Amino acid sequence: MLTDRKTPGPKPTYPFRDMAVDDVVTLPAPTSADVKRIARNASQYGLRHGRVYQCLTDPTTTGAERVMMITRTK
């Protein structure tokens, strides 16, 4: 993962920029709206930057402790 940011401004909400191929990031997604928002953001970032992300909601977690795993595949 990259550590140095070259642009000024606030810290990004999601770490998509810093992910290398086969990196996995786990993000909290307590509501179904959060799941949809995170998946949509990963998809849009991938389309704009020529990357592919796979999103998976962890089936062993539910409700407020639900987590989503995002993997960069290309």
PDB file of N, CA and C in Angstrom:
ATOM      1  N   MET A   1       0.824  -1.187   0.000  1.00  0.00           N
ATOM      2  CA  MET A   1       0.000   0.000   0.000  1.00  0.00           C
ATOM      3  C   MET A   1       0.868   1.251   0.000  1.00  0.00           C
ATOM      4  N   LEU A   2       0.351   2.265  -0.623  1.00  0.00           N
ATOM      5  CA  LEU A   2       1.064   3.532  -0.651  1.00  0.00           C
ATOM      6  C   LEU A   2       0.898   4.240   0.682  1.00  0.00           C
ATOM      7  N   THR A   3       1.876   5.005   1.067  1.00  0.00           N
ATOM      8  CA  THR A   3       1.765   5.725   2.334  1.00  0.00           C
ATOM      9  C   THR A   3       1.819   7.229   2.161  1.00  0.00           C
ATOM     10  N   ASP A   4       2.467   7.710   1.123  1.00  0.00           N
ATOM     11  CA  ASP A   4       2.615   9.151   0.934  1.00  0.00           C
ATOM     12  C   ASP A   4       1.525   9.683   0.026  1.00  0.00           C
ATOM     13  N   ARG A   5       0.889  10.770   0.448  1.00  0.00           N
ATOM     14  CA  ARG A   5      -0.094  11.449  -0.389  1.00  0.00           C
ATOM     15  C   ARG A   5       0.589  12.638  -1.025  1.00  0.00           C
ATOM     16  N   LYS A   6       0.344  12.857  -2.307  1.00  0.00           N
ATOM     17  CA  LYS A   6       0.984  13.950  -3.017  1.00  0.00           C
ATOM     18  C   LYS A   6       0.053  15.135  -3.209  1.00  0.00           C
ATOM     19  N   THR A   7      -1.193  14.991  -2.840  1.00  0.00           N
ATOM     20  CA  THR A   7      -2.143  16.082  -3.029  1.00  0.00           C
ATOM     21  C   THR A   7      -2.606  16.600  -1.670  1.00  0.00           C
ATOM     22  N   PRO A   8      -2.812  17.905  -1.577  1.00  0.00           N
ATOM     23  CA  PRO A   8      -3.332  18.447  -0.325  1.00  0.00           C
ATOM     24  C   PRO A   8      -4.820  18.153  -0.208  1.00  0.00           C
ATOM     25  N   GLY A   9      -5.333  18.285   0.968  1.00  0.00           N
ATOM     26  CA  GLY A   9      -6.767  18.096   1.165  1.00  0.00           C
ATOM     27  C   GLY A   9      -7.056  17.083   2.238  1.00  0.00           C
ATOM     28  N   PRO A  10      -8.330  16.818   2.441  1.00  0.00           N
ATOM     29  CA  PRO A  10      -8.713  15.888   3.492  1.00  0.00           C
ATOM     30  C   PRO A  10      -8.333  14.443   3.143  1.00  0.00           C
ATOM     31  N   LYS A  11      -8.216  13.654   4.159  1.00  0.00           N
ATOM     32  CA  LYS A  11      -7.898  12.242   3.982  1.00  0.00           C
ATOM     33  C   LYS A  11      -9.070  11.555   3.273  1.00  0.00           C
ATOM     34  N   PRO A  12      -8.800  10.662   2.305  1.00  0.00           N
ATOM     35  CA  PRO A  12      -9.879   9.981   1.606  1.00  0.00           C
ATOM     36  C   PRO A  12     -10.714   9.122   2.555  1.00  0.00           C
ATOM     37  N   THR A  13     -12.000   8.992   2.242  1.00  0.00           N
ATOM     38  CA  THR A  13     -12.900   8.174   3.059  1.00  0.00           C
ATOM     39  C   THR A  13     -12.573   6.695   2.918  1.00  0.00           C
ATOM     40  N   TYR A  14     -12.278   6.274   1.690  1.00  0.00           N
ATOM     41  CA  TYR A  14     -11.986   4.871   1.411  1.00  0.00           C
ATOM     42  C   TYR A  14     -10.552   4.733   0.905  1.00  0.00           C
ATOM     43  N   PRO A  15      -9.892   3.610   1.197  1.00  0.00           N
ATOM     44  CA  PRO A  15      -8.478   3.448   0.835  1.00  0.00           C
ATOM     45  C   PRO A  15      -8.241   2.858  -0.554  1.00  0.00           C
ATOM     46  N   PHE A  16      -9.153   3.083  -1.509  1.00  0.00           N
ATOM     47  CA  PHE A  16      -9.024   2.460  -2.821  1.00  0.00           C
ATOM     48  C   PHE A  16      -7.731   2.852  -3.526  1.00  0.00           C
ATOM     49  N   ARG A  17      -7.306   4.084  -3.388  1.00  0.00           N
ATOM     50  CA  ARG A  17      -6.099   4.567  -4.056  1.00  0.00           C
ATOM     51  C   ARG A  17      -4.853   3.809  -3.580  1.00  0.00           C
ATOM     52  N   ASP A  18      -4.817   3.472  -2.316  1.00  0.00           N
ATOM     53  CA  ASP A  18      -3.630   2.847  -1.734  1.00  0.00           C
ATOM     54  C   ASP A  18      -3.580   1.334  -1.905  1.00  0.00           C
ATOM     55  N   MET A  19      -4.618   0.741  -2.485  1.00  0.00           N
ATOM     56  CA  MET A  19      -4.671  -0.714  -2.579  1.00  0.00           C
ATOM     57  C   MET A  19      -3.879  -1.229  -3.776  1.00  0.00           C
ATOM     58  N   ALA A  20      -3.076  -2.251  -3.525  1.00  0.00           N
ATOM     59  CA  ALA A  20      -2.367  -2.955  -4.586  1.00  0.00           C
ATOM     60  C   ALA A  20      -3.195  -4.193  -4.958  1.00  0.00           C
ATOM     61  N   VAL A  21      -2.850  -4.832  -6.056  1.00  0.00           N
ATOM     62  CA  VAL A  21      -3.568  -6.027  -6.477  1.00  0.00           C
ATOM     63  C   VAL A  21      -3.506  -7.075  -5.368  1.00  0.00           C
ATOM     64  N   ASP A  22      -4.628  -7.701  -5.080  1.00  0.00           N
ATOM     65  CA  ASP A  22      -4.826  -8.730  -4.049  1.00  0.00           C
ATOM     66  C   ASP A  22      -4.863  -8.182  -2.624  1.00  0.00           C
ATOM     67  N   ASP A  23      -4.863  -6.874  -2.441  1.00  0.00           N
ATOM     68  CA  ASP A  23      -5.056  -6.304  -1.109  1.00  0.00           C
ATOM     69  C   ASP A  23      -6.528  -6.431  -0.717  1.00  0.00           C
ATOM     70  N   VAL A  24      -6.762  -6.644   0.571  1.00  0.00           N
ATOM     71  CA  VAL A  24      -8.123  -6.743   1.089  1.00  0.00           C
ATOM     72  C   VAL A  24      -8.295  -5.715   2.195  1.00  0.00           C
ATOM     73  N   VAL A  25      -9.402  -4.966   2.127  1.00  0.00           N
ATOM     74  CA  VAL A  25      -9.727  -3.964   3.135  1.00  0.00           C
ATOM     75  C   VAL A  25     -11.089  -4.329   3.721  1.00  0.00           C
ATOM     76  N   THR A  26     -11.208  -4.225   5.029  1.00  0.00           N
ATOM     77  CA  THR A  26     -12.474  -4.493   5.705  1.00  0.00           C
ATOM     78  C   THR A  26     -13.035  -3.185   6.231  1.00  0.00           C
ATOM     79  N   LEU A  27     -14.278  -2.889   5.851  1.00  0.00           N
ATOM     80  CA  LEU A  27     -14.933  -1.655   6.265  1.00  0.00           C
ATOM     81  C   LEU A  27     -16.239  -1.976   6.979  1.00  0.00           C
ATOM     82  N   PRO A  28     -16.586  -1.222   8.019  1.00  0.00           N
ATOM     83  CA  PRO A  28     -17.871  -1.444   8.685  1.00  0.00           C
ATOM     84  C   PRO A  28     -19.014  -0.984   7.785  1.00  0.00           C
ATOM     85  N   ALA A  29     -20.083  -1.780   7.731  1.00  0.00           N
ATOM     86  CA  ALA A  29     -21.263  -1.452   6.927  1.00  0.00           C
ATOM     87  C   ALA A  29     -22.506  -1.871   7.705  1.00  0.00           C
ATOM     88  N   PRO A  30     -22.887  -1.102   8.726  1.00  0.00           N
ATOM     89  CA  PRO A  30     -23.977  -1.520   9.609  1.00  0.00           C
ATOM     90  C   PRO A  30     -25.355  -1.574   8.954  1.00  0.00           C
ATOM     91  N   THR A  31     -25.604  -0.815   7.910  1.00  0.00           N
ATOM     92  CA  THR A  31     -26.923  -0.843   7.274  1.00  0.00           C
ATOM     93  C   THR A  31     -26.796  -1.298   5.825  1.00  0.00           C
ATOM     94  N   SER A  32     -27.929  -1.702   5.251  1.00  0.00           N
ATOM     95  CA  SER A  32     -27.912  -2.113   3.851  1.00  0.00           C
ATOM     96  C   SER A  32     -27.577  -0.933   2.941  1.00  0.00           C
ATOM     97  N   ALA A  33     -27.929   0.279   3.346  1.00  0.00           N
ATOM     98  CA  ALA A  33     -27.569   1.469   2.570  1.00  0.00           C
ATOM     99  C   ALA A  33     -26.055   1.656   2.549  1.00  0.00           C
ATOM    100  N   ASP A  34     -25.381   1.357   3.659  1.00  0.00           N
ATOM    101  CA  ASP A  34     -23.920   1.450   3.706  1.00  0.00           C
ATOM    102  C   ASP A  34     -23.285   0.434   2.759  1.00  0.00           C
ATOM    103  N   VAL A  35     -23.835  -0.765   2.722  1.00  0.00           N
ATOM    104  CA  VAL A  35     -23.313  -1.809   1.829  1.00  0.00           C
ATOM    105  C   VAL A  35     -23.406  -1.339   0.382  1.00  0.00           C
ATOM    106  N   LYS A  36     -24.561  -0.811   0.014  1.00  0.00           N
ATOM    107  CA  LYS A  36     -24.770  -0.344  -1.353  1.00  0.00           C
ATOM    108  C   LYS A  36     -23.851   0.834  -1.692  1.00  0.00           C
ATOM    109  N   ARG A  37     -23.699   1.759  -0.753  1.00  0.00           N
ATOM    110  CA  ARG A  37     -22.865   2.943  -0.978  1.00  0.00           C
ATOM    111  C   ARG A  37     -21.401   2.558  -1.167  1.00  0.00           C
ATOM    112  N   ILE A  38     -20.891   1.672  -0.335  1.00  0.00           N
ATOM    113  CA  ILE A  38     -19.489   1.258  -0.424  1.00  0.00           C
ATOM    114  C   ILE A  38     -19.238   0.522  -1.740  1.00  0.00           C
ATOM    115  N   ALA A  39     -20.150  -0.380  -2.113  1.00  0.00           N
ATOM    116  CA  ALA A  39     -19.997  -1.130  -3.361  1.00  0.00           C
ATOM    117  C   ALA A  39     -20.044  -0.192  -4.568  1.00  0.00           C
ATOM    118  N   ARG A  40     -20.946   0.771  -4.536  1.00  0.00           N
ATOM    119  CA  ARG A  40     -21.054   1.733  -5.635  1.00  0.00           C
ATOM    120  C   ARG A  40     -19.784   2.586  -5.733  1.00  0.00           C
ATOM    121  N   ASN A  41     -19.266   3.034  -4.594  1.00  0.00           N
ATOM    122  CA  ASN A  41     -18.043   3.841  -4.602  1.00  0.00           C
ATOM    123  C   ASN A  41     -16.844   3.048  -5.120  1.00  0.00           C
ATOM    124  N   ALA A  42     -16.742   1.780  -4.737  1.00  0.00           N
ATOM    125  CA  ALA A  42     -15.650   0.937  -5.235  1.00  0.00           C
ATOM    126  C   ALA A  42     -15.769   0.752  -6.742  1.00  0.00           C
ATOM    127  N   SER A  43     -16.979   0.527  -7.215  1.00  0.00           N
ATOM    128  CA  SER A  43     -17.203   0.351  -8.640  1.00  0.00           C
ATOM    129  C   SER A  43     -16.852   1.614  -9.424  1.00  0.00           C
ATOM    130  N   GLN A  44     -17.317   2.751  -8.965  1.00  0.00           N
ATOM    131  CA  GLN A  44     -17.042   4.011  -9.654  1.00  0.00           C
ATOM    132  C   GLN A  44     -15.548   4.338  -9.658  1.00  0.00           C
ATOM    133  N   TYR A  45     -14.884   4.127  -8.526  1.00  0.00           N
ATOM    134  CA  TYR A  45     -13.444   4.394  -8.468  1.00  0.00           C
ATOM    135  C   TYR A  45     -12.711   3.479  -9.447  1.00  0.00           C
ATOM    136  N   GLY A  46     -13.121   2.215  -9.487  1.00  0.00           N
ATOM    137  CA  GLY A  46     -12.497   1.271 -10.402  1.00  0.00           C
ATOM    138  C   GLY A  46     -12.680   1.655 -11.857  1.00  0.00           C
ATOM    139  N   LEU A  47     -13.886   2.084 -12.225  1.00  0.00           N
ATOM    140  CA  LEU A  47     -14.145   2.501 -13.604  1.00  0.00           C
ATOM    141  C   LEU A  47     -13.315   3.719 -13.984  1.00  0.00           C
ATOM    142  N   ARG A  48     -13.182   4.660 -13.090  1.00  0.00           N
ATOM    143  CA  ARG A  48     -12.455   5.894 -13.382  1.00  0.00           C
ATOM    144  C   ARG A  48     -10.942   5.721 -13.428  1.00  0.00           C
ATOM    145  N   HIS A  49     -10.439   4.683 -12.746  1.00  0.00           N
ATOM    146  CA  HIS A  49      -8.988   4.513 -12.651  1.00  0.00           C
ATOM    147  C   HIS A  49      -8.484   3.199 -13.239  1.00  0.00           C
ATOM    148  N   GLY A  50      -9.338   2.478 -13.953  1.00  0.00           N
ATOM    149  CA  GLY A  50      -8.921   1.252 -14.607  1.00  0.00           C
ATOM    150  C   GLY A  50      -8.571   0.127 -13.653  1.00  0.00           C
ATOM    151  N   ARG A  51      -9.302   0.023 -12.573  1.00  0.00           N
ATOM    152  CA  ARG A  51      -9.073  -1.029 -11.581  1.00  0.00           C
ATOM    153  C   ARG A  51     -10.342  -1.846 -11.404  1.00  0.00           C
ATOM    154  N   VAL A  52     -10.196  -3.029 -10.794  1.00  0.00           N
ATOM    155  CA  VAL A  52     -11.348  -3.887 -10.538  1.00  0.00           C
ATOM    156  C   VAL A  52     -11.363  -4.246  -9.060  1.00  0.00           C
ATOM    157  N   TYR A  53     -12.510  -4.033  -8.431  1.00  0.00           N
ATOM    158  CA  TYR A  53     -12.683  -4.347  -7.019  1.00  0.00           C
ATOM    159  C   TYR A  53     -13.820  -5.339  -6.860  1.00  0.00           C
ATOM    160  N   GLN A  54     -13.668  -6.260  -5.904  1.00  0.00           N
ATOM    161  CA  GLN A  54     -14.709  -7.219  -5.583  1.00  0.00           C
ATOM    162  C   GLN A  54     -15.172  -6.938  -4.165  1.00  0.00           C
ATOM    163  N   CYS A  55     -16.471  -6.771  -3.980  1.00  0.00           N
ATOM    164  CA  CYS A  55     -17.038  -6.471  -2.664  1.00  0.00           C
ATOM    165  C   CYS A  55     -17.812  -7.677  -2.158  1.00  0.00           C
ATOM    166  N   LEU A  56     -17.631  -7.994  -0.892  1.00  0.00           N
ATOM    167  CA  LEU A  56     -18.313  -9.128  -0.288  1.00  0.00           C
ATOM    168  C   LEU A  56     -18.687  -8.770   1.143  1.00  0.00           C
ATOM    169  N   THR A  57     -19.955  -8.956   1.461  1.00  0.00           N
ATOM    170  CA  THR A  57     -20.405  -8.749   2.836  1.00  0.00           C
ATOM    171  C   THR A  57     -20.135 -10.029   3.612  1.00  0.00           C
ATOM    172  N   ASP A  58     -19.492  -9.918   4.744  1.00  0.00           N
ATOM    173  CA  ASP A  58     -19.160 -11.082   5.561  1.00  0.00           C
ATOM    174  C   ASP A  58     -20.444 -11.688   6.121  1.00  0.00           C
ATOM    175  N   PRO A  59     -20.781 -12.937   5.750  1.00  0.00           N
ATOM    176  CA  PRO A  59     -22.035 -13.535   6.208  1.00  0.00           C
ATOM    177  C   PRO A  59     -22.062 -13.890   7.691  1.00  0.00           C
ATOM    178  N   THR A  60     -20.909 -13.909   8.341  1.00  0.00           N
ATOM    179  CA  THR A  60     -20.886 -14.261   9.759  1.00  0.00           C
ATOM    180  C   THR A  60     -21.199 -13.074  10.658  1.00  0.00           C
ATOM    181  N   THR A  61     -21.271 -11.877  10.091  1.00  0.00           N
ATOM    182  CA  THR A  61     -21.583 -10.688  10.880  1.00  0.00           C
ATOM    183  C   THR A  61     -22.943 -10.143  10.460  1.00  0.00           C
ATOM    184  N   THR A  62     -23.653  -9.536  11.419  1.00  0.00           N
ATOM    185  CA  THR A  62     -24.977  -8.991  11.121  1.00  0.00           C
ATOM    186  C   THR A  62     -25.173  -7.677  11.853  1.00  0.00           C
ATOM    187  N   GLY A  63     -26.156  -6.914  11.405  1.00  0.00           N
ATOM    188  CA  GLY A  63     -26.554  -5.692  12.097  1.00  0.00           C
ATOM    189  C   GLY A  63     -25.443  -4.683  12.234  1.00  0.00           C
ATOM    190  N   ALA A  64     -25.306  -4.137  13.437  1.00  0.00           N
ATOM    191  CA  ALA A  64     -24.351  -3.058  13.695  1.00  0.00           C
ATOM    192  C   ALA A  64     -22.901  -3.504  13.532  1.00  0.00           C
ATOM    193  N   GLU A  65     -22.651  -4.794  13.588  1.00  0.00           N
ATOM    194  CA  GLU A  65     -21.270  -5.266  13.453  1.00  0.00           C
ATOM    195  C   GLU A  65     -20.976  -5.837  12.068  1.00  0.00           C
ATOM    196  N   ARG A  66     -21.867  -5.627  11.105  1.00  0.00           N
ATOM    197  CA  ARG A  66     -21.672  -6.114   9.737  1.00  0.00           C
ATOM    198  C   ARG A  66     -20.437  -5.453   9.126  1.00  0.00           C
ATOM    199  N   VAL A  67     -19.643  -6.255   8.432  1.00  0.00           N
ATOM    200  CA  VAL A  67     -18.456  -5.732   7.760  1.00  0.00           C
ATOM    201  C   VAL A  67     -18.474  -6.136   6.297  1.00  0.00           C
ATOM    202  N   MET A  68     -17.809  -5.341   5.492  1.00  0.00           N
ATOM    203  CA  MET A  68     -17.710  -5.589   4.071  1.00  0.00           C
ATOM    204  C   MET A  68     -16.245  -5.677   3.705  1.00  0.00           C
ATOM    205  N   MET A  69     -15.902  -6.718   2.944  1.00  0.00           N
ATOM    206  CA  MET A  69     -14.516  -6.913   2.517  1.00  0.00           C
ATOM    207  C   MET A  69     -14.406  -6.493   1.056  1.00  0.00           C
ATOM    208  N   ILE A  70     -13.444  -5.628   0.754  1.00  0.00           N
ATOM    209  CA  ILE A  70     -13.201  -5.184  -0.603  1.00  0.00           C
ATOM    210  C   ILE A  70     -11.823  -5.679  -1.012  1.00  0.00           C
ATOM    211  N   THR A  71     -11.767  -6.376  -2.150  1.00  0.00           N
ATOM    212  CA  THR A  71     -10.530  -6.923  -2.668  1.00  0.00           C
ATOM    213  C   THR A  71     -10.240  -6.297  -4.027  1.00  0.00           C
ATOM    214  N   ARG A  72      -9.024  -5.852  -4.227  1.00  0.00           N
ATOM    215  CA  ARG A  72      -8.640  -5.357  -5.546  1.00  0.00           C
ATOM    216  C   ARG A  72      -8.145  -6.548  -6.347  1.00  0.00           C
ATOM    217  N   THR A  73      -8.799  -6.826  -7.470  1.00  0.00           N
ATOM    218  CA  THR A  73      -8.456  -7.999  -8.264  1.00  0.00           C
ATOM    219  C   THR A  73      -7.633  -7.684  -9.506  1.00  0.00           C
ATOM    220  N   LYS A  74      -7.666  -6.432  -9.972  1.00  0.00           N
ATOM    221  CA  LYS A  74      -6.873  -6.054 -11.152  1.00  0.00           C
ATOM    222  C   LYS A  74      -6.421  -4.620 -11.017  1.00  0.00           C
TER     223      LYS A  74
END
